[in-house]
C-alpha atoms as a PDB file:
ATOM      1  CA  MET A   1      96.083 202.333 -15.334  1.00  0.00           C
ATOM      2  CA  GLY A   2      93.250 203.610 -13.211  1.00  0.00           C
ATOM      3  CA  LEU A   3      91.543 200.620 -12.361  1.00  0.00           C
ATOM      4  CA  ASN A   4      89.836 200.613  -9.105  1.00  0.00           C
ATOM      5  CA  GLN A   5      86.913 199.761  -7.334  1.00  0.00           C
ATOM      6  CA  GLU A   6      84.770 202.862  -8.703  1.00  0.00           C
ATOM      7  CA  THR A   7      85.585 201.751 -12.164  1.00  0.00           C
ATOM      8  CA  LEU A   8      84.281 198.382 -11.282  1.00  0.00           C
ATOM      9  CA  GLU A   9      81.209 199.987  -9.899  1.00  0.00           C
ATOM     10  CA  GLN A  10      80.508 202.315 -12.817  1.00  0.00           C
ATOM     11  CA  LEU A  11      80.960 199.194 -15.356  1.00  0.00           C
ATOM     12  CA  ALA A  12      78.461 197.331 -13.124  1.00  0.00           C
ATOM     13  CA  ALA A  13      75.837 200.287 -13.106  1.00  0.00           C
ATOM     14  CA  GLU A  14      76.429 200.061 -17.011  1.00  0.00           C
ATOM     15  CA  LEU A  15      75.732 196.625 -16.961  1.00  0.00           C
ATOM     16  CA  GLY A  16      72.562 196.725 -14.793  1.00  0.00           C
ATOM     17  CA  ALA A  17      71.338 199.354 -17.077  1.00  0.00           C
ATOM     18  CA  ALA A  18      71.916 197.132 -19.989  1.00  0.00           C
ATOM     19  CA  LEU A  19      70.118 194.059 -18.235  1.00  0.00           C
ATOM     20  CA  GLN A  20      67.296 196.187 -17.190  1.00  0.00           C
ATOM     21  CA  ALA A  21      66.604 197.790 -20.427  1.00  0.00           C
ATOM     22  CA  ARG A  22      65.936 193.938 -21.224  1.00  0.00           C
ATOM     23  CA  GLY A  23      64.083 193.387 -17.960  1.00  0.00           C
ATOM     24  CA  TRP A  24      66.874 190.542 -17.373  1.00  0.00           C
ATOM     25  CA  GLN A  25      68.717 189.401 -14.454  1.00  0.00           C
ATOM     26  CA  LEU A  26      72.408 188.259 -13.867  1.00  0.00           C
ATOM     27  CA  ALA A  27      73.781 185.769 -12.030  1.00  0.00           C
ATOM     28  CA  ALA A  28      77.683 185.249 -11.387  1.00  0.00           C
ATOM     29  CA  ALA A  29      79.760 182.245 -10.751  1.00  0.00           C
ATOM     30  CA  GLU A  30      83.313 183.105  -9.341  1.00  0.00           C
ATOM     31  CA  SER A  31      86.352 181.416  -8.327  1.00  0.00           C
ATOM     32  CA  CYS A  32      89.539 183.185  -7.921  1.00  0.00           C
ATOM     33  CA  THR A  33      87.873 186.635  -7.710  1.00  0.00           C
ATOM     34  CA  GLY A  34      85.946 185.062  -4.602  1.00  0.00           C
ATOM     35  CA  GLY A  35      82.759 187.272  -4.949  1.00  0.00           C
ATOM     36  CA  TRP A  36      84.637 190.700  -5.715  1.00  0.00           C
ATOM     37  CA  ALA A  37      82.208 190.618  -9.028  1.00  0.00           C
ATOM     38  CA  ALA A  38      79.037 190.228  -6.994  1.00  0.00           C
ATOM     39  CA  GLN A  39      80.553 192.554  -4.450  1.00  0.00           C
ATOM     40  CA  ALA A  40      81.543 195.303  -7.048  1.00  0.00           C
ATOM     41  CA  MET A  41      77.590 194.862  -8.602  1.00  0.00           C
ATOM     42  CA  THR A  42      75.799 194.874  -5.319  1.00  0.00           C
ATOM     43  CA  ALA A  43      77.256 198.171  -4.609  1.00  0.00           C
ATOM     44  CA  VAL A  44      75.334 199.669  -6.930  1.00  0.00           C
ATOM     45  CA  ALA A  45      72.133 201.117  -5.684  1.00  0.00           C
ATOM     46  CA  GLY A  46      69.251 199.309  -7.010  1.00  0.00           C
ATOM     47  CA  SER A  47      71.048 196.427  -8.347  1.00  0.00           C
ATOM     48  CA  SER A  48      68.592 193.894  -6.654  1.00  0.00           C
ATOM     49  CA  ALA A  49      66.321 194.793  -9.816  1.00  0.00           C
ATOM     50  CA  TRP A  50      68.984 193.249 -12.191  1.00  0.00           C
ATOM     51  CA  PHE A  51      71.365 190.872 -10.172  1.00  0.00           C
ATOM     52  CA  ASP A  52      69.792 187.475  -9.017  1.00  0.00           C
ATOM     53  CA  ARG A  53      72.750 185.916  -6.926  1.00  0.00           C
ATOM     54  CA  GLY A  54      76.211 184.910  -6.970  1.00  0.00           C
ATOM     55  CA  PHE A  55      78.041 181.628  -6.676  1.00  0.00           C
ATOM     56  CA  VAL A  56      81.419 181.355  -5.079  1.00  0.00           C
ATOM     57  CA  THR A  57      82.680 178.208  -5.775  1.00  0.00           C
ATOM     58  CA  TYR A  58      86.372 178.363  -4.838  1.00  0.00           C
ATOM     59  CA  SER A  59      86.601 174.339  -4.226  1.00  0.00           C
ATOM     60  CA  ASN A  60      86.085 171.510  -6.829  1.00  0.00           C
ATOM     61  CA  GLU A  61      83.444 170.639  -4.502  1.00  0.00           C
ATOM     62  CA  ALA A  62      81.294 173.679  -4.734  1.00  0.00           C
ATOM     63  CA  LYS A  63      81.731 173.668  -8.206  1.00  0.00           C
ATOM     64  CA  MET A  64      80.458 170.616  -8.767  1.00  0.00           C
ATOM     65  CA  ASP A  65      78.023 171.084  -5.681  1.00  0.00           C
ATOM     66  CA  MET A  66      76.759 174.391  -6.753  1.00  0.00           C
ATOM     67  CA  LEU A  67      76.925 174.526 -10.312  1.00  0.00           C
ATOM     68  CA  GLY A  68      76.977 170.853 -11.759  1.00  0.00           C
ATOM     69  CA  VAL A  69      80.682 170.933 -13.169  1.00  0.00           C
ATOM     70  CA  SER A  70      81.060 167.093 -13.366  1.00  0.00           C
ATOM     71  CA  ALA A  71      84.131 165.593 -11.893  1.00  0.00           C
ATOM     72  CA  ASP A  72      85.203 164.108 -15.199  1.00  0.00           C
ATOM     73  CA  THR A  73      85.670 167.773 -16.672  1.00  0.00           C
ATOM     74  CA  LEU A  74      87.442 169.043 -13.614  1.00  0.00           C
ATOM     75  CA  ALA A  75      89.920 165.767 -13.555  1.00  0.00           C
ATOM     76  CA  ARG A  76      90.241 165.788 -17.237  1.00  0.00           C
ATOM     77  CA  PHE A  77      90.928 169.890 -17.820  1.00  0.00           C
ATOM     78  CA  GLY A  78      91.215 171.238 -14.452  1.00  0.00           C
ATOM     79  CA  ALA A  79      89.312 174.027 -12.344  1.00  0.00           C
ATOM     80  CA  VAL A  80      91.060 176.426 -14.524  1.00  0.00           C
ATOM     81  CA  SER A  81      90.115 175.752 -17.968  1.00  0.00           C
ATOM     82  CA  GLU A  82      87.642 176.812 -20.845  1.00  0.00           C
ATOM     83  CA  ALA A  83      85.518 173.864 -20.498  1.00  0.00           C
ATOM     84  CA  THR A  84      84.879 174.157 -16.613  1.00  0.00           C
ATOM     85  CA  VAL A  85      83.788 177.903 -16.845  1.00  0.00           C
ATOM     86  CA  LEU A  86      81.596 176.920 -19.663  1.00  0.00           C
ATOM     87  CA  SER A  87      79.814 174.429 -17.223  1.00  0.00           C
ATOM     88  CA  MET A  88      80.119 176.938 -14.437  1.00  0.00           C
ATOM     89  CA  ALA A  89      78.591 179.715 -16.324  1.00  0.00           C
ATOM     90  CA  GLU A  90      75.511 177.359 -17.645  1.00  0.00           C
ATOM     91  CA  GLY A  91      75.277 176.157 -14.259  1.00  0.00           C
ATOM     92  CA  ALA A  92      74.705 179.530 -12.760  1.00  0.00           C
ATOM     93  CA  LEU A  93      72.118 180.509 -15.142  1.00  0.00           C
ATOM     94  CA  ARG A  94      70.120 176.796 -14.662  1.00  0.00           C
ATOM     95  CA  ASN A  95      70.374 177.289 -10.750  1.00  0.00           C
ATOM     96  CA  SER A  96      69.345 180.986 -11.129  1.00  0.00           C
ATOM     97  CA  ARG A  97      66.120 182.998 -12.207  1.00  0.00           C
ATOM     98  CA  ALA A  98      68.612 185.137 -14.498  1.00  0.00           C
ATOM     99  CA  GLN A  99      68.845 185.241 -18.319  1.00  0.00           C
ATOM    100  CA  ALA A 100      72.771 185.929 -18.275  1.00  0.00           C
ATOM    101  CA  ALA A 101      75.412 184.610 -16.277  1.00  0.00           C
ATOM    102  CA  PHE A 102      79.477 184.607 -16.240  1.00  0.00           C
ATOM    103  CA  ALA A 103      82.067 182.570 -14.907  1.00  0.00           C
ATOM    104  CA  ILE A 104      85.291 183.217 -13.736  1.00  0.00           C
ATOM    105  CA  SER A 105      88.295 180.738 -12.718  1.00  0.00           C
ATOM    106  CA  GLY A 106      91.813 181.688 -12.531  1.00  0.00           C
ATOM    107  CA  ILE A 107      95.568 181.440 -11.325  1.00  0.00           C
ATOM    108  CA  ALA A 108      95.582 184.633  -9.292  1.00  0.00           C
ATOM    109  CA  GLY A 109      99.053 184.165  -7.429  1.00  0.00           C
ATOM    110  CA  PRO A 110     101.571 184.211  -6.205  1.00  0.00           C
ATOM    111  CA  THR A 111     101.942 180.331  -6.133  1.00  0.00           C
ATOM    112  CA  GLY A 112      99.637 177.756  -8.165  1.00  0.00           C
ATOM    113  CA  GLY A 113     100.955 178.472 -11.632  1.00  0.00           C
ATOM    114  CA  SER A 114     102.554 176.064 -13.652  1.00  0.00           C
ATOM    115  CA  ASP A 115     104.158 175.797 -17.372  1.00  0.00           C
ATOM    116  CA  SER A 116     100.869 175.588 -18.994  1.00  0.00           C
ATOM    117  CA  LYS A 117      98.669 177.759 -16.600  1.00  0.00           C
ATOM    118  CA  PRO A 118     101.191 180.378 -15.408  1.00  0.00           C
ATOM    119  CA  VAL A 119      99.858 182.492 -12.484  1.00  0.00           C
ATOM    120  CA  GLY A 120      97.741 185.463 -14.040  1.00  0.00           C
ATOM    121  CA  THR A 121      95.924 182.771 -16.292  1.00  0.00           C
ATOM    122  CA  VAL A 122      92.294 183.440 -16.083  1.00  0.00           C
ATOM    123  CA  CYS A 123      89.181 181.758 -18.086  1.00  0.00           C
ATOM    124  CA  PHE A 124      85.997 183.252 -18.506  1.00  0.00           C
ATOM    125  CA  ALA A 125      82.455 182.087 -19.921  1.00  0.00           C
ATOM    126  CA  TRP A 126      79.501 184.293 -20.601  1.00  0.00           C
ATOM    127  CA  ALA A 127      76.173 182.195 -21.203  1.00  0.00           C
ATOM    128  CA  VAL A 128      73.088 184.119 -22.303  1.00  0.00           C
ATOM    129  CA  VAL A 129      69.744 182.503 -22.970  1.00  0.00           C
ATOM    130  CA  GLY A 130      69.100 181.489 -26.491  1.00  0.00           C
ATOM    131  CA  GLU A 131      72.921 182.071 -27.309  1.00  0.00           C
ATOM    132  CA  PRO A 132      75.618 179.745 -27.618  1.00  0.00           C
ATOM    133  CA  THR A 133      78.123 180.082 -24.406  1.00  0.00           C
ATOM    134  CA  GLU A 134      81.033 181.791 -25.146  1.00  0.00           C
ATOM    135  CA  VAL A 135      84.369 181.197 -23.549  1.00  0.00           C
ATOM    136  CA  ALA A 136      88.026 183.098 -23.284  1.00  0.00           C
ATOM    137  CA  THR A 137      91.262 182.793 -21.610  1.00  0.00           C
ATOM    138  CA  MET A 138      93.184 185.662 -20.570  1.00  0.00           C
ATOM    139  CA  TRP A 139      97.002 186.180 -19.168  1.00  0.00           C
ATOM    140  CA  PHE A 140      97.090 189.029 -16.833  1.00  0.00           C
ATOM    141  CA  ASP A 141     100.105 190.402 -14.915  1.00  0.00           C
ATOM    142  CA  GLY A 142     100.667 191.782 -12.061  1.00  0.00           C
ATOM    143  CA  ASP A 143     100.029 190.626  -8.207  1.00  0.00           C
ATOM    144  CA  ARG A 144      97.296 188.553  -7.028  1.00  0.00           C
ATOM    145  CA  GLN A 145      94.783 191.872  -6.325  1.00  0.00           C
ATOM    146  CA  LEU A 146      95.797 193.270  -9.878  1.00  0.00           C
ATOM    147  CA  VAL A 147      95.220 189.885 -11.623  1.00  0.00           C
ATOM    148  CA  ARG A 148      91.588 189.877  -9.742  1.00  0.00           C
ATOM    149  CA  ILE A 149      90.721 193.565 -10.333  1.00  0.00           C
ATOM    150  CA  GLN A 150      91.547 193.178 -14.054  1.00  0.00           C
ATOM    151  CA  SER A 151      89.290 189.658 -14.083  1.00  0.00           C
ATOM    152  CA  VAL A 152      86.444 191.612 -12.953  1.00  0.00           C
ATOM    153  CA  GLU A 153      86.860 194.421 -15.245  1.00  0.00           C
ATOM    154  CA  TYR A 154      87.371 192.075 -17.977  1.00  0.00           C
ATOM    155  CA  VAL A 155      84.312 189.938 -17.142  1.00  0.00           C
ATOM    156  CA  PHE A 156      82.070 193.059 -16.694  1.00  0.00           C
ATOM    157  CA  ARG A 157      83.365 194.581 -20.254  1.00  0.00           C
ATOM    158  CA  GLN A 158      82.691 191.175 -22.104  1.00  0.00           C
ATOM    159  CA  MET A 159      79.330 190.823 -20.528  1.00  0.00           C
ATOM    160  CA  LEU A 160      78.227 194.237 -21.212  1.00  0.00           C
ATOM    161  CA  GLY A 161      79.335 193.869 -25.069  1.00  0.00           C
ATOM    162  CA  ARG A 162      77.170 190.760 -25.330  1.00  0.00           C
ATOM    163  CA  LEU A 163      74.210 192.404 -23.993  1.00  0.00           C
ATOM    164  CA  LEU A 164      74.293 195.238 -26.177  1.00  0.00           C
ATOM    165  CA  ALA A 165      74.856 192.817 -29.174  1.00  0.00           C
ATOM    166  CA  VAL A 166      71.888 190.673 -28.351  1.00  0.00           C
ATOM    167  CA  GLN A 167      68.176 191.958 -29.323  1.00  0.00           C
END
């Protein structure tokens, strides 16, 4: 598959170039990836020009305290849901100086899955100023590390696509 930290850093550099071309900054809201996306972005020299901040909100309380996710959203839909990541991404925009943000929340395993949300279920959201927030759910195969690295790759590729589509 060839998916590794070097691949993530290359994607992060492309993301950074797209952000810099617009004079924008990015914020990240992460749960199951535990800051891996932020680490990959800050591994890129010069990323301080385009990466504003990252929120590692592993617990529901952190999602509420740091990003403004409502207790009702968490109770009704769960931490791994499109409703929650939408709120996380919008909260990251609201609580930063960024013009673009993404959010990741999922079940990396090996435990924690259910029939409706098996291990490998990961929800994503992308918020860009002036655009509707978009969400998606993916189901990744593999162990905990593989689910997490696939999640970071996916969120980077999708964020890059959205930036390139925005004038």
